Every structure is written in structure tokens, then in C-alpha cells.
Amino acid sequence: MHFKALKSALIESSKAPKRHISDALVQRIIEELKSNPAISQKEISEIGGKRYGHWQIMK
């Protein structure tokens, strides 16, 4: 048996993309790069799983 979704339940576009980094984290990464332009990729590393990974600023 199939039911049609109510028009009020349909969403044309989401408010936020599924894979996005928070603005605060982006600003933190930018600040770190500005303060230390020679920082290596190892020092700023992406950790965690491929789908649910997160950024960690290492000092």
C-alpha cells in the first residue's frame, strides 16, 4: 500500500547542507593558518571516519 505525502511534509531544499563544517570551526582553522602559514597537513589533520570525521587543530 502506498500513501502520498502531505504537501506540508514535503521539503524542497534543506536549510543546511548535509556535509558542512560549522562557521566557528572554519574561522578557527583560518586563524590558525594565518598565525602559522608554515603549518603542515599533519599538524592540521582530519580525524575520524570518512562520513562523520571532524577537524582537530593540533599544537
C-alpha atoms as a PDB file:
ATOM      1  CA  MET A   1       0.000   0.000   0.000  1.00  0.00           C
ATOM      2  CA  HIS A   2       1.381   3.445  -0.927  1.00  0.00           C
ATOM      3  CA  PHE A   3       0.461   6.805   0.560  1.00  0.00           C
ATOM      4  CA  LYS A   4       1.133  10.261  -0.816  1.00  0.00           C
ATOM      5  CA  ALA A   5       2.995  12.675   1.436  1.00  0.00           C
ATOM      6  CA  LEU A   6       1.165  15.747   2.622  1.00  0.00           C
ATOM      7  CA  LYS A   7       2.268  18.967   0.920  1.00  0.00           C
ATOM      8  CA  SER A   8       3.221  20.390   4.315  1.00  0.00           C
ATOM      9  CA  ALA A   9       5.571  17.434   4.895  1.00  0.00           C
ATOM     10  CA  LEU A  10       7.469  17.858   1.627  1.00  0.00           C
ATOM     11  CA  ILE A  11      10.717  19.832   1.799  1.00  0.00           C
ATOM     12  CA  GLU A  12      12.044  21.330  -1.434  1.00  0.00           C
ATOM     13  CA  SER A  13      15.510  22.166  -0.119  1.00  0.00           C
ATOM     14  CA  SER A  14      17.172  21.698   3.219  1.00  0.00           C
ATOM     15  CA  LYS A  15      18.285  24.711   5.254  1.00  0.00           C
ATOM     16  CA  ALA A  16      21.813  23.370   5.719  1.00  0.00           C
ATOM     17  CA  PRO A  17      23.888  21.082   3.523  1.00  0.00           C
ATOM     18  CA  LYS A  18      24.341  17.542   4.804  1.00  0.00           C
ATOM     19  CA  ARG A  19      28.118  17.798   4.912  1.00  0.00           C
ATOM     20  CA  HIS A  20      29.201  21.164   6.262  1.00  0.00           C
ATOM     21  CA  ILE A  21      31.677  22.487   8.771  1.00  0.00           C
ATOM     22  CA  SER A  22      30.434  24.883  11.412  1.00  0.00           C
ATOM     23  CA  ASP A  23      31.353  28.538  10.891  1.00  0.00           C
ATOM     24  CA  ALA A  24      33.185  28.652  14.223  1.00  0.00           C
ATOM     25  CA  LEU A  25      35.406  25.745  13.218  1.00  0.00           C
ATOM     26  CA  VAL A  26      36.132  27.282   9.811  1.00  0.00           C
ATOM     27  CA  GLN A  27      37.139  30.549  11.490  1.00  0.00           C
ATOM     28  CA  ARG A  28      39.393  28.656  13.931  1.00  0.00           C
ATOM     29  CA  ILE A  29      41.146  26.872  11.060  1.00  0.00           C
ATOM     30  CA  ILE A  30      41.601  30.152   9.155  1.00  0.00           C
ATOM     31  CA  GLU A  31      43.021  31.870  12.260  1.00  0.00           C
ATOM     32  CA  GLU A  32      45.466  29.014  12.781  1.00  0.00           C
ATOM     33  CA  LEU A  33      46.619  29.186   9.149  1.00  0.00           C
ATOM     34  CA  LYS A  34      47.068  32.977   9.355  1.00  0.00           C
ATOM     35  CA  SER A  35      49.077  32.765  12.574  1.00  0.00           C
ATOM     36  CA  ASN A  36      51.266  29.925  11.292  1.00  0.00           C
ATOM     37  CA  PRO A  37      51.447  29.847   7.459  1.00  0.00           C
ATOM     38  CA  ALA A  38      54.090  27.105   7.544  1.00  0.00           C
ATOM     39  CA  ILE A  39      51.817  24.690   9.395  1.00  0.00           C
ATOM     40  CA  SER A  40      51.864  21.191   7.927  1.00  0.00           C
ATOM     41  CA  GLN A  41      48.979  18.979   6.956  1.00  0.00           C
ATOM     42  CA  LYS A  42      49.973  16.629   9.756  1.00  0.00           C
ATOM     43  CA  GLU A  43      49.530  19.410  12.305  1.00  0.00           C
ATOM     44  CA  ILE A  44      46.067  20.179  10.956  1.00  0.00           C
ATOM     45  CA  SER A  45      44.686  16.730  10.471  1.00  0.00           C
ATOM     46  CA  GLU A  46      41.296  15.342   9.642  1.00  0.00           C
ATOM     47  CA  ILE A  47      40.474  12.617  12.111  1.00  0.00           C
ATOM     48  CA  GLY A  48      37.554  10.261  12.485  1.00  0.00           C
ATOM     49  CA  GLY A  49      35.586   8.299   9.928  1.00  0.00           C
ATOM     50  CA  LYS A  50      35.144   9.263   6.292  1.00  0.00           C
ATOM     51  CA  ARG A  51      31.490  10.112   6.738  1.00  0.00           C
ATOM     52  CA  TYR A  52      31.479  11.566  10.242  1.00  0.00           C
ATOM     53  CA  GLY A  53      35.043  12.851  10.531  1.00  0.00           C
ATOM     54  CA  HIS A  54      35.913  16.123  12.197  1.00  0.00           C
ATOM     55  CA  TRP A  55      38.802  18.573  12.245  1.00  0.00           C
ATOM     56  CA  GLN A  56      41.213  18.875  15.121  1.00  0.00           C
ATOM     57  CA  ILE A  57      43.716  21.707  15.474  1.00  0.00           C
ATOM     58  CA  MET A  58      46.893  20.215  16.950  1.00  0.00           C
ATOM     59  CA  LYS A  59      49.541  22.406  18.567  1.00  0.00           C
END
